[in-house]
Amino acid sequence: MGRQTTILQVFLASPSELNDERIALESVVKEVNQTLSESTGAYLELIKWETHAVPGFGSDPQAVINEQIGDSYDIFIGMLSTKFGSPTPRAASGTEEEFERAYDRFTKNPNELRIMFYFKDPELRASEIDLAEYKKVKDFKNKLGEKGLYATFNTTDEFVTMVRLHLARQLQEWAEKKWGSQMTTETTPMTASATQLEKTPTDDEELGFLDYVEMGNDSLRNGTASLGRITQAMSDLGRKATESTPKLIAANQQGDVAKQKQIINNTARDMEEFGLRIDAELPIFSNSYATGIDAISKSATIWAADFNLDDKTPIQTVHDNLESMLAASRTAREAMLSMQQTVSAYPRVTSEFNRGKRHVVESLAGLDRAMSSSQNLTIEVLRELKRILGFLDEE
C-alpha cells in the first residue's frame, strides 16, 4: 500500500513576459518535492494555465481559465516585471484578477492558503520599456505593499534560489500545521508509478548536506576574494585622485591649461583602468555569490528535511559566516555608492575624461545591481537558517 501524501497545488500567475521564470519554477517544484515530500508528507503540484487549461468558450478568455482552474489551490505565486498584462472585464490584467481572487480567499480564511508575489527588476533602458505598462506595474506594486510583503529579483537564477527557499519554508510550515486545511485537503496514495518522474535521480540529488556546504563555502570564498579586489581597486582609484589634486590646483593657479589637461587625462586613464578592473571582476563576483548562496540554500533545505538534531553547530557556523559576509558586503557597497555619487558629479572637462567618467559610473552601476542581488539572496538564506536555529519561533 502506498503512503498517504497530501497534494498541495501551487498556482502560478504572470504575464508571458516572464516565461523563463515560469519554466524554471517547474524544476524548482520537482527539486523541492524530491527533497521534502517524504519528510513533510506533502507533494507540490504546479498549476499553470498552459498545462491545466484546455480550449473552451466563455464570456472571455480569463473567465475560461478561472472556471477550469478554479480556486482550490493551496499556494498562489504571482509575478510581474515591466508588463502588466492584458485587461479583463473584471480587472486591469489577468494576473491582477487572479491575485484578487486569491487575496479574497485569504482575507476570508488566512490559514487556507499562502500568497507569494515577486517583481522582476531587469536591467533595461527606458526606450525598451512601455512606460504606460510599467506604471501599471508600479501602481500595483505600491498597492500590494499596503497588503503584505513581496520579493524582488533581477535574474532568473536569483528567482530560482529565492522561490526554492520560500516553497520549502511553506511546505515545512504546512507540515508543522502552521497553515493549511490538512483535515480536508485531498490526499492520495503516492505509489511508485505516481512519483516515478519526481524520483528520477539527478546529479544534485546525489549531493548531501556537507557537499552543499563545502560547495557554498568554496564559492563564497571566491566571491569574497573578488569583493576584496574590487575594494582594493576603489581604494587605488581614490588614492590616485587624491595624489593628483594638488598638482591640478597648482596648474590651475599657474594658468597652465596644457598641464591641467595632462593631469585630467591621466586621471581619465586611471578611471578607464578602474572600469576595466571592475568589468573583469563583476562576472566572477556575481557567479561566485550566486553559486555559493544557491548551494547554501540547498544545504538548509536538506538539513530541515533530514536532520532532527539538538546540536545545530553546522547550521550556526554557516549562519555566522553569512552574517559576516553580509556585513562586509554592505560596507563595501556603501563605499561604492559614495564613489559613484562623487564621480557622477564630476564636471565634463575633456573628452577623454568624460569617457573615463562614464565607464566608471556604468561599471559601478553594474556592481551595485550585483551586490544588491547577492545581499537580497543572503538575507533570504539567513532568514531560513534563523528559522532552523529557532530564532524566528516567536514570529
Protein backbone atom coordinates (compact mmCIF):
# COMPACT_ATOMS: atom_id res chain seq x y z
CA MET A 1 0.00 0.00 0.00
CA GLY A 2 1.37 3.42 -0.95
CA ARG A 3 1.98 6.04 1.68
CA GLN A 4 -0.60 8.80 2.08
CA THR A 5 0.71 12.11 0.81
CA THR A 6 -1.20 15.38 0.63
CA ILE A 7 -1.21 17.20 -2.70
CA LEU A 8 -0.64 20.93 -2.33
CA GLN A 9 -1.45 22.81 -5.52
CA VAL A 10 0.74 25.78 -6.46
CA PHE A 11 -0.95 28.18 -8.88
CA LEU A 12 1.30 30.45 -10.95
CA ALA A 13 0.00 33.77 -12.27
CA SER A 14 2.09 36.05 -14.50
CA PRO A 15 2.21 37.60 -17.97
CA SER A 16 4.06 35.65 -20.69
CA GLU A 17 6.92 38.15 -20.39
CA LEU A 18 8.21 36.01 -17.52
CA ASN A 19 8.33 32.78 -19.49
CA ASP A 20 11.86 31.90 -18.33
CA GLU A 21 10.78 32.09 -14.72
CA ARG A 22 7.62 30.09 -15.42
CA ILE A 23 9.73 27.31 -16.92
CA ALA A 24 12.32 27.49 -14.13
CA LEU A 25 9.61 27.09 -11.48
CA GLU A 26 8.82 23.63 -12.83
CA SER A 27 12.33 22.46 -11.95
CA VAL A 28 12.16 24.14 -8.55
CA VAL A 29 8.91 22.34 -7.68
CA LYS A 30 10.40 18.99 -8.71
CA GLU A 31 13.50 19.66 -6.63
CA VAL A 32 11.51 20.64 -3.54
CA ASN A 33 9.38 17.51 -3.93
CA GLN A 34 12.47 15.33 -4.17
CA THR A 35 13.95 16.89 -1.03
CA LEU A 36 10.94 17.45 1.22
CA SER A 37 7.99 15.32 0.08
CA GLU A 38 8.87 12.31 2.21
CA SER A 39 9.65 14.25 5.40
CA THR A 40 6.66 16.60 5.19
CA GLY A 41 4.06 14.21 3.79
CA ALA A 42 3.13 16.72 1.10
CA TYR A 43 3.66 16.89 -2.63
CA LEU A 44 3.60 20.12 -4.66
CA GLU A 45 1.68 20.19 -7.94
CA LEU A 46 2.34 23.20 -10.16
CA ILE A 47 -0.80 24.63 -11.78
CA LYS A 48 -0.39 26.83 -14.88
CA TRP A 49 -2.93 27.83 -17.46
CA GLU A 50 -0.77 26.46 -20.27
CA THR A 51 -0.72 22.98 -18.70
CA HIS A 52 -4.04 22.83 -16.84
CA ALA A 53 -6.46 24.71 -19.10
CA VAL A 54 -7.90 23.36 -22.34
CA PRO A 55 -9.60 25.15 -25.26
CA GLY A 56 -13.02 26.34 -24.24
CA PHE A 57 -15.56 29.13 -24.51
CA GLY A 58 -16.93 31.63 -22.04
CA SER A 59 -17.63 35.31 -21.63
CA ASP A 60 -13.88 36.00 -22.04
CA PRO A 61 -10.57 34.01 -22.03
CA GLN A 62 -9.79 34.77 -18.39
CA ALA A 63 -13.24 33.56 -17.34
CA VAL A 64 -12.50 30.24 -19.07
CA ILE A 65 -9.21 29.94 -17.16
CA ASN A 66 -10.92 30.82 -13.88
CA GLU A 67 -13.59 28.18 -14.39
CA GLN A 68 -11.20 25.41 -15.41
CA ILE A 69 -8.50 26.02 -12.81
CA GLY A 70 -10.82 27.10 -10.00
CA ASP A 71 -9.82 28.39 -6.59
CA SER A 72 -8.87 25.23 -4.74
CA TYR A 73 -5.09 25.68 -4.94
CA ASP A 74 -3.06 25.97 -1.73
CA ILE A 75 -0.24 28.34 -2.72
CA PHE A 76 -0.54 31.33 -5.06
CA ILE A 77 2.61 32.61 -6.80
CA GLY A 78 2.31 35.86 -8.73
CA MET A 79 4.99 37.53 -10.84
CA LEU A 80 5.27 40.84 -12.68
CA SER A 81 8.10 42.70 -14.37
CA THR A 82 7.64 45.54 -16.86
CA LYS A 83 4.32 44.48 -18.43
CA PHE A 84 1.04 44.35 -16.52
CA GLY A 85 -0.75 42.08 -18.99
CA SER A 86 -3.99 42.18 -20.95
CA PRO A 87 -7.07 43.62 -19.24
CA THR A 88 -10.14 41.51 -18.44
CA PRO A 89 -13.73 42.67 -17.94
CA ARG A 90 -13.12 42.49 -14.18
CA ALA A 91 -9.55 43.74 -13.69
CA ALA A 92 -6.73 45.67 -15.33
CA SER A 93 -4.98 42.38 -16.19
CA GLY A 94 -5.38 38.64 -15.88
CA THR A 95 -2.64 38.49 -13.27
CA GLU A 96 -4.33 41.16 -11.17
CA GLU A 97 -7.67 39.33 -11.37
CA GLU A 98 -6.06 36.06 -10.34
CA PHE A 99 -4.34 37.77 -7.41
CA GLU A 100 -7.57 39.44 -6.27
CA ARG A 101 -9.38 36.08 -6.32
CA ALA A 102 -6.60 34.56 -4.20
CA TYR A 103 -6.50 37.54 -1.84
CA ASP A 104 -10.26 37.38 -1.37
CA ARG A 105 -9.88 33.77 -0.23
CA PHE A 106 -7.02 34.76 2.06
CA THR A 107 -8.99 37.54 3.77
CA LYS A 108 -11.85 35.13 4.46
CA ASN A 109 -9.57 32.41 5.83
CA PRO A 110 -5.86 33.33 6.24
CA ASN A 111 -4.95 29.76 7.16
CA GLU A 112 -6.39 28.31 3.99
CA LEU A 113 -3.62 29.32 1.57
CA ARG A 114 -0.37 31.17 1.18
CA ILE A 115 0.28 34.03 -1.27
CA MET A 116 3.77 34.84 -2.60
CA PHE A 117 4.34 37.68 -5.05
CA TYR A 118 7.54 38.54 -6.93
CA PHE A 119 8.62 41.51 -9.02
CA LYS A 120 11.45 41.23 -11.53
CA ASP A 121 13.60 44.33 -11.91
CA PRO A 122 15.54 43.67 -15.14
CA GLU A 123 18.34 45.85 -16.42
CA LEU A 124 16.62 47.66 -19.29
CA ARG A 125 16.86 51.08 -20.90
CA ALA A 126 13.85 53.36 -20.73
CA SER A 127 13.47 53.03 -24.50
CA GLU A 128 12.94 49.27 -24.08
CA ILE A 129 10.02 49.67 -21.67
CA ASP A 130 6.39 50.50 -22.35
CA LEU A 131 6.15 53.27 -19.75
CA ALA A 132 2.35 53.11 -19.55
CA GLU A 133 2.50 49.38 -18.80
CA TYR A 134 5.35 49.83 -16.35
CA LYS A 135 3.38 52.48 -14.46
CA LYS A 136 0.56 49.97 -14.00
CA VAL A 137 3.07 47.52 -12.54
CA LYS A 138 4.45 50.19 -10.19
CA ASP A 139 0.96 51.22 -9.07
CA PHE A 140 0.03 47.59 -8.39
CA LYS A 141 3.30 47.08 -6.51
CA ASN A 142 2.50 50.06 -4.30
CA LYS A 143 -0.99 48.72 -3.67
CA LEU A 144 0.42 45.31 -2.84
CA GLY A 145 2.82 46.86 -0.34
CA GLU A 146 -0.17 48.03 1.67
CA LYS A 147 -1.47 44.46 1.97
CA GLY A 148 1.66 42.45 2.68
CA LEU A 149 5.21 41.64 1.67
CA TYR A 150 6.58 40.95 -1.80
CA ALA A 151 10.01 39.96 -3.07
CA THR A 152 12.09 41.45 -5.87
CA PHE A 153 14.72 39.82 -8.06
CA ASN A 154 16.92 40.77 -11.00
CA THR A 155 17.69 37.49 -12.76
CA THR A 156 16.09 34.09 -13.29
CA ASP A 157 18.82 32.43 -11.22
CA GLU A 158 18.07 34.79 -8.34
CA PHE A 159 14.37 33.94 -8.60
CA VAL A 160 15.13 30.21 -8.56
CA THR A 161 17.16 30.42 -5.34
CA MET A 162 14.61 32.69 -3.70
CA VAL A 163 11.46 30.78 -4.60
CA ARG A 164 13.08 27.45 -3.68
CA LEU A 165 13.67 28.76 -0.16
CA HIS A 166 10.15 30.15 0.06
CA LEU A 167 8.42 27.00 -1.20
CA ALA A 168 10.50 24.83 1.12
CA ARG A 169 9.54 27.05 4.03
CA GLN A 170 5.84 26.89 3.13
CA LEU A 171 6.00 23.12 2.89
CA GLN A 172 7.76 22.78 6.23
CA GLU A 173 5.34 25.17 7.96
CA TRP A 174 2.41 23.26 6.47
CA ALA A 175 3.86 20.06 7.95
CA GLU A 176 4.10 21.86 11.30
CA LYS A 177 0.39 22.69 10.94
CA LYS A 178 1.00 26.43 10.92
CA TRP A 179 -1.32 26.80 7.95
CA GLY A 180 -3.49 24.73 5.62
CA SER A 181 -6.61 22.62 5.92
CA GLN A 182 -4.97 19.25 6.48
CA MET A 183 -8.26 17.71 7.55
CA THR A 184 -9.97 18.48 4.24
CA THR A 185 -7.11 18.71 1.71
CA GLU A 186 -7.07 15.92 -0.83
CA THR A 187 -4.76 13.04 -0.05
CA THR A 188 -3.73 10.25 -2.35
CA PRO A 189 -1.52 7.16 -2.12
CA MET A 190 1.81 8.08 -3.71
CA THR A 191 2.74 4.85 -5.46
CA ALA A 192 5.96 4.29 -7.38
CA SER A 193 4.21 4.93 -10.69
CA ALA A 194 2.72 8.18 -9.45
CA THR A 195 6.07 9.62 -8.44
CA GLN A 196 8.41 7.99 -10.92
CA LEU A 197 9.29 11.22 -12.70
CA GLU A 198 9.84 13.15 -9.48
CA LYS A 199 12.13 10.46 -8.06
CA THR A 200 14.37 10.09 -11.10
CA PRO A 201 17.90 10.56 -9.70
CA THR A 202 19.71 13.72 -10.74
CA ASP A 203 23.26 14.93 -10.13
CA ASP A 204 22.01 17.33 -7.47
CA GLU A 205 20.01 14.60 -5.76
CA GLU A 206 23.24 12.64 -5.20
CA LEU A 207 24.76 15.53 -3.24
CA GLY A 208 24.29 15.77 0.51
CA PHE A 209 24.35 18.42 3.21
CA LEU A 210 28.12 18.56 3.60
CA ASP A 211 28.63 18.57 -0.17
CA TYR A 212 26.50 21.68 -0.50
CA VAL A 213 28.12 23.37 2.50
CA GLU A 214 31.56 22.75 1.03
CA MET A 215 30.45 23.94 -2.41
CA GLY A 216 28.87 27.01 -0.88
CA ASN A 217 31.90 27.86 1.23
CA ASP A 218 34.28 27.48 -1.72
CA SER A 219 32.15 29.66 -4.00
CA LEU A 220 31.54 32.31 -1.34
CA ARG A 221 35.27 32.36 -0.58
CA ASN A 222 35.89 33.14 -4.25
CA GLY A 223 33.20 35.82 -4.14
CA THR A 224 34.73 37.37 -1.02
CA ALA A 225 38.17 37.41 -2.67
CA SER A 226 36.66 39.12 -5.71
CA LEU A 227 34.98 41.68 -3.46
CA GLY A 228 38.34 42.30 -1.82
CA ARG A 229 39.93 43.03 -5.19
CA ILE A 230 37.07 45.36 -6.07
CA THR A 231 37.51 47.20 -2.79
CA GLN A 232 41.24 47.49 -3.48
CA ALA A 233 40.53 48.87 -6.95
CA MET A 234 38.29 51.56 -5.43
CA SER A 235 40.98 52.39 -2.90
CA ASP A 236 43.62 52.65 -5.65
CA LEU A 237 41.49 55.00 -7.73
CA GLY A 238 40.75 57.17 -4.71
CA ARG A 239 44.44 57.33 -3.79
CA LYS A 240 45.46 58.34 -7.32
CA ALA A 241 42.76 61.02 -7.43
CA THR A 242 43.95 62.37 -4.09
CA GLU A 243 47.57 62.47 -5.29
CA SER A 244 46.65 64.36 -8.48
CA THR A 245 44.55 67.01 -6.71
CA PRO A 246 47.40 69.28 -5.51
CA LYS A 247 49.07 69.04 -8.91
CA LEU A 248 45.85 70.13 -10.60
CA ILE A 249 45.41 73.00 -8.14
CA ALA A 250 48.96 74.20 -8.83
CA ALA A 251 48.48 74.03 -12.61
CA ASN A 252 45.21 75.93 -12.27
CA GLN A 253 46.87 78.67 -10.20
CA GLN A 254 49.60 78.98 -12.81
CA GLY A 255 47.04 79.22 -15.59
CA ASP A 256 48.72 76.31 -17.38
CA VAL A 257 45.83 74.84 -19.41
CA ALA A 258 48.03 72.25 -21.13
CA LYS A 259 49.27 70.99 -17.77
CA GLN A 260 45.72 70.89 -16.39
CA LYS A 261 44.59 68.84 -19.37
CA GLN A 262 47.52 66.44 -19.00
CA ILE A 263 46.73 65.81 -15.32
CA ILE A 264 43.00 65.40 -16.03
CA ASN A 265 43.63 62.96 -18.87
CA ASN A 266 45.97 60.95 -16.65
CA THR A 267 43.08 60.70 -14.20
CA ALA A 268 40.83 59.67 -17.08
CA ARG A 269 43.19 56.79 -17.88
CA ASP A 270 43.13 55.78 -14.21
CA MET A 271 39.33 55.71 -14.39
CA GLU A 272 39.39 53.61 -17.57
CA GLU A 273 41.75 51.16 -15.86
CA PHE A 274 39.43 51.04 -12.85
CA GLY A 275 36.42 50.41 -15.09
CA LEU A 276 38.23 47.53 -16.79
CA ARG A 277 39.16 46.01 -13.42
CA ILE A 278 35.55 46.17 -12.25
CA ASP A 279 34.28 44.77 -15.56
CA ALA A 280 36.64 41.80 -15.17
CA GLU A 281 35.66 41.14 -11.55
CA LEU A 282 31.90 41.56 -11.96
CA PRO A 283 31.15 38.13 -13.52
CA ILE A 284 33.47 36.44 -11.01
CA PHE A 285 31.75 38.15 -8.09
CA SER A 286 28.22 37.56 -9.43
CA ASN A 287 28.71 33.91 -10.38
CA SER A 288 30.60 33.03 -7.19
CA TYR A 289 27.99 34.53 -4.90
CA ALA A 290 25.07 33.13 -6.91
CA THR A 291 26.57 29.62 -6.86
CA GLY A 292 27.51 29.88 -3.19
CA ILE A 293 24.16 31.15 -1.96
CA ASP A 294 22.33 28.60 -4.09
CA ALA A 295 24.38 25.77 -2.55
CA ILE A 296 23.87 27.06 1.00
CA SER A 297 20.11 27.34 0.39
CA LYS A 298 20.05 23.70 -0.73
CA SER A 299 22.03 22.65 2.34
CA ALA A 300 19.47 24.42 4.54
CA THR A 301 16.61 22.61 2.82
CA ILE A 302 18.29 19.22 3.27
CA TRP A 303 19.02 19.92 6.94
CA ALA A 304 15.41 20.84 7.60
CA ALA A 305 14.22 17.67 5.85
CA ASP A 306 16.72 15.05 7.02
CA PHE A 307 18.25 16.18 10.31
CA ASN A 308 16.50 16.23 13.65
CA LEU A 309 19.42 17.10 15.89
CA ASP A 310 19.62 19.26 19.00
CA ASP A 311 23.20 20.16 18.09
CA LYS A 312 22.87 22.66 15.25
CA THR A 313 26.50 23.77 15.25
CA PRO A 314 26.96 23.23 11.47
CA ILE A 315 23.97 25.49 10.73
CA GLN A 316 25.12 28.04 13.31
CA THR A 317 28.55 28.15 11.67
CA VAL A 318 27.07 28.70 8.21
CA HIS A 319 24.76 31.36 9.65
CA ASP A 320 27.60 33.24 11.36
CA ASN A 321 29.78 33.14 8.23
CA LEU A 322 26.94 34.54 6.13
CA GLU A 323 26.27 37.29 8.67
CA SER A 324 29.92 38.36 8.48
CA MET A 325 29.94 38.32 4.69
CA LEU A 326 26.71 40.32 4.54
CA ALA A 327 28.18 42.97 6.85
CA ALA A 328 31.33 43.21 4.72
CA SER A 329 29.26 43.42 1.55
CA ARG A 330 27.14 46.23 2.96
CA THR A 331 30.23 48.21 3.97
CA ALA A 332 31.75 47.77 0.50
CA ARG A 333 28.51 48.75 -1.16
CA GLU A 334 28.25 51.95 0.88
CA ALA A 335 31.77 52.91 -0.24
CA MET A 336 30.92 52.02 -3.84
CA LEU A 337 27.75 54.14 -3.84
CA SER A 338 29.69 57.06 -2.37
CA MET A 339 32.28 56.78 -5.13
CA GLN A 340 29.57 56.51 -7.78
CA GLN A 341 27.91 59.66 -6.49
CA THR A 342 31.24 61.53 -6.39
CA VAL A 343 32.27 60.53 -9.92
CA SER A 344 28.81 61.28 -11.31
CA ALA A 345 29.14 64.85 -10.02
CA TYR A 346 32.44 65.47 -11.83
CA PRO A 347 32.16 68.21 -14.48
CA ARG A 348 32.82 67.49 -18.16
CA VAL A 349 36.33 68.79 -18.74
CA THR A 350 37.88 66.77 -21.59
CA SER A 351 36.54 64.12 -23.97
CA GLU A 352 38.94 61.51 -22.55
CA PHE A 353 37.88 62.37 -19.00
CA ASN A 354 34.21 62.17 -19.97
CA ARG A 355 34.71 58.67 -21.39
CA GLY A 356 36.51 57.55 -18.25
CA LYS A 357 33.83 59.05 -16.04
CA ARG A 358 31.07 57.29 -17.99
CA HIS A 359 32.94 53.97 -17.82
CA VAL A 360 33.32 54.23 -14.02
CA VAL A 361 29.68 55.17 -13.47
CA GLU A 362 28.40 52.33 -15.70
CA SER A 363 30.73 49.76 -14.12
CA LEU A 364 29.69 50.80 -10.62
CA ALA A 365 26.02 50.63 -11.62
CA GLY A 366 26.51 47.02 -12.72
CA LEU A 367 28.35 46.27 -9.50
CA ASP A 368 25.54 47.84 -7.46
CA ARG A 369 22.98 45.55 -9.10
CA ALA A 370 25.17 42.51 -8.45
CA MET A 371 25.74 43.46 -4.82
CA SER A 372 22.06 44.21 -4.29
CA SER A 373 21.14 40.81 -5.72
CA SER A 374 23.70 38.96 -3.59
CA GLN A 375 22.58 40.78 -0.43
CA ASN A 376 18.90 40.05 -1.08
CA LEU A 377 19.61 36.34 -1.50
CA THR A 378 21.87 36.28 1.54
CA ILE A 379 19.10 37.82 3.64
CA GLU A 380 16.64 35.18 2.40
CA VAL A 381 19.03 32.32 3.24
CA LEU A 382 19.80 33.85 6.65
CA ARG A 383 16.07 34.02 7.38
CA GLU A 384 15.78 30.29 6.67
CA LEU A 385 18.85 29.49 8.80
CA LYS A 386 17.40 31.56 11.65
CA ARG A 387 14.16 29.60 11.36
CA ILE A 388 16.09 26.32 11.64
CA LEU A 389 18.02 27.67 14.63
CA GLY A 390 14.78 28.70 16.31
CA PHE A 391 15.44 32.45 16.17
CA LEU A 392 12.11 33.04 14.43
CA ASP A 393 9.88 30.82 16.56
CA GLU A 394 8.16 33.81 18.08
CA GLU A 395 7.21 35.34 14.69
